Amino acid sequence: MSLFVIVLFLVLAFLGMPLAFSLGVSALAGLWLAGFDAAVLAPRLLNAVNSFPLMSIPLFMIAGELMLKGGIMERLVDFANAFIGRVRGGLAQVTIISGAGLASVSGAAVADASALSSTLVPSLRQQYGLGFSTGIVAAAANLGPIIPPSGAMIVYAFMAGSSVSVGGLFMSGVVPGLILFVSFMALCWFIAWKRDYPLAGAPVSLSNILHQTRRSFVVFLMPVIVIGGIVGGIFTPTEGAAVGVCYALFLGFFVTRRLELGHLPEVLLGAAKTSAMVGAMIAFASTVTFLFTIDLLPMKLAGLLQGLTDDPFLFLCLIAVMLLVVGMFLESNAAYIMLVPLFHPIAMQYGLDPLHFGFLFVLNLVIGMLTPPVGVVLFVVCGITGVKMGELVRESWPFIATMYGVLVLCMVFPGLVTWLPERLGY
């Protein structure tokens, strides 16, 4: 039965049916094959999405979009420019800093890719050409789901159950996110030096640094309030997301004064569309997971993997290879929803730290957003900038390789992931 459901889902997805409905048809067919009445589907779908923590997903999306509409990109770029100064590859490094700043606000790679592409690519293109410019933007946008807050981590924690805390998973991404940020900065400098790109930017000025820091302080205060409140136990992730929405409204209307009432319908509709897609996948995937459970697939899969190896590190390597392939062909939200309920319990049987495994799982699939043929960030950047997919992929490979390097580093040294959450009591 499990094999039938999986094959049917893959066939329908390959034929172009939306992933949520591919899951739904597969779930319905699996229920019929297992001898269940189709009437059990509706209450199971409702129970799957009738969840208070799931509300944090659309709320974080709304907060991020409000901040973008409120004109924070200009402040982030000015802030980054003040610190970089006149160096080789300076504008590329400004883009990476802006991407990291945006990540601390939005937590979504697609939104960040859209904002960075429309704002920075015209200036980048004049210095570096379209290919390298879009490669930088795609890499900077991919910091979004790694540096907290992260929509991907919220979905993972929800699918993994009570053994994974959203706050703990957020904190697990801080140190690797900083390592990745510094690595991207160094890579931009190296490529600019190798290709002999000209020096750009104004010299560093202490007065300008202080001025731009003062202007950007209110922007960076948002992640401090929201993430600090979640980690400190002041409010739940859902309540923290609601606080983020209120803060974004205040910032856009009264501080930057760039947000208008006319922007709100567009922001709400965009969040509703994305949330509906994720919610539909979660609802249908819950039925598929139920069918896998009664077919004892998790136990069979655990037995198969433990028959191959009893070494936790080799298990992580097997999962990394599998997710490398999955990330190339399956949209990341669908991968979380289908695979986390299967592999998270097996990871616990291997004695792996749930936050360590969760972060590695997320990072694997985030890298998949940059890899063809189904890398969603690639499609967004191509759609906005008009760059050819082949050219963008060619310029993105150094950044993809760097992300895999950080992934291997986190696999070999788990403390990079778990040290900060442990210090904070997770």
Foldseek 3Di string as FASTA:
>chain_A
DLVQLVVQLVVCVVVPDQNLVSLQVSLQVLCVVVPHDSVVQVVLLVVLLPDLLLLLLLLLLLLLVLLLLLPCLVLLLLLQLQPQAWAQLSLLLSLLSSLLLSLLRRQALLVQLLSCLVPRQVVVCVFPNNLLSSLSSSLSSLLNQQAPPHSLLSLLDSLQPDLDASLLLNQLSHLLSVVLSVVSSVVSNVVSVVVVTHIDGHGHDPVSNVVSCVLCVLSSVLSCQLSVCCLVVVDPSSVSSNVSNVSSVCCSCPPSNSDDPVCVVVSSVVSVVVSVSLSSLLSSLSSSVVSCVVVVVLVVVLVVLVVVDLALLVVLVVVLVVLLVCLAPDQLSNCSNNPSNRCLVSSVVSVDRSSLSSSLSSLSNSLSLLHDDNNVSLVSSCVSNVDDSVSNNVSNVVSSVSSVVSSVVCSVPVCSRNVRSVVSPD
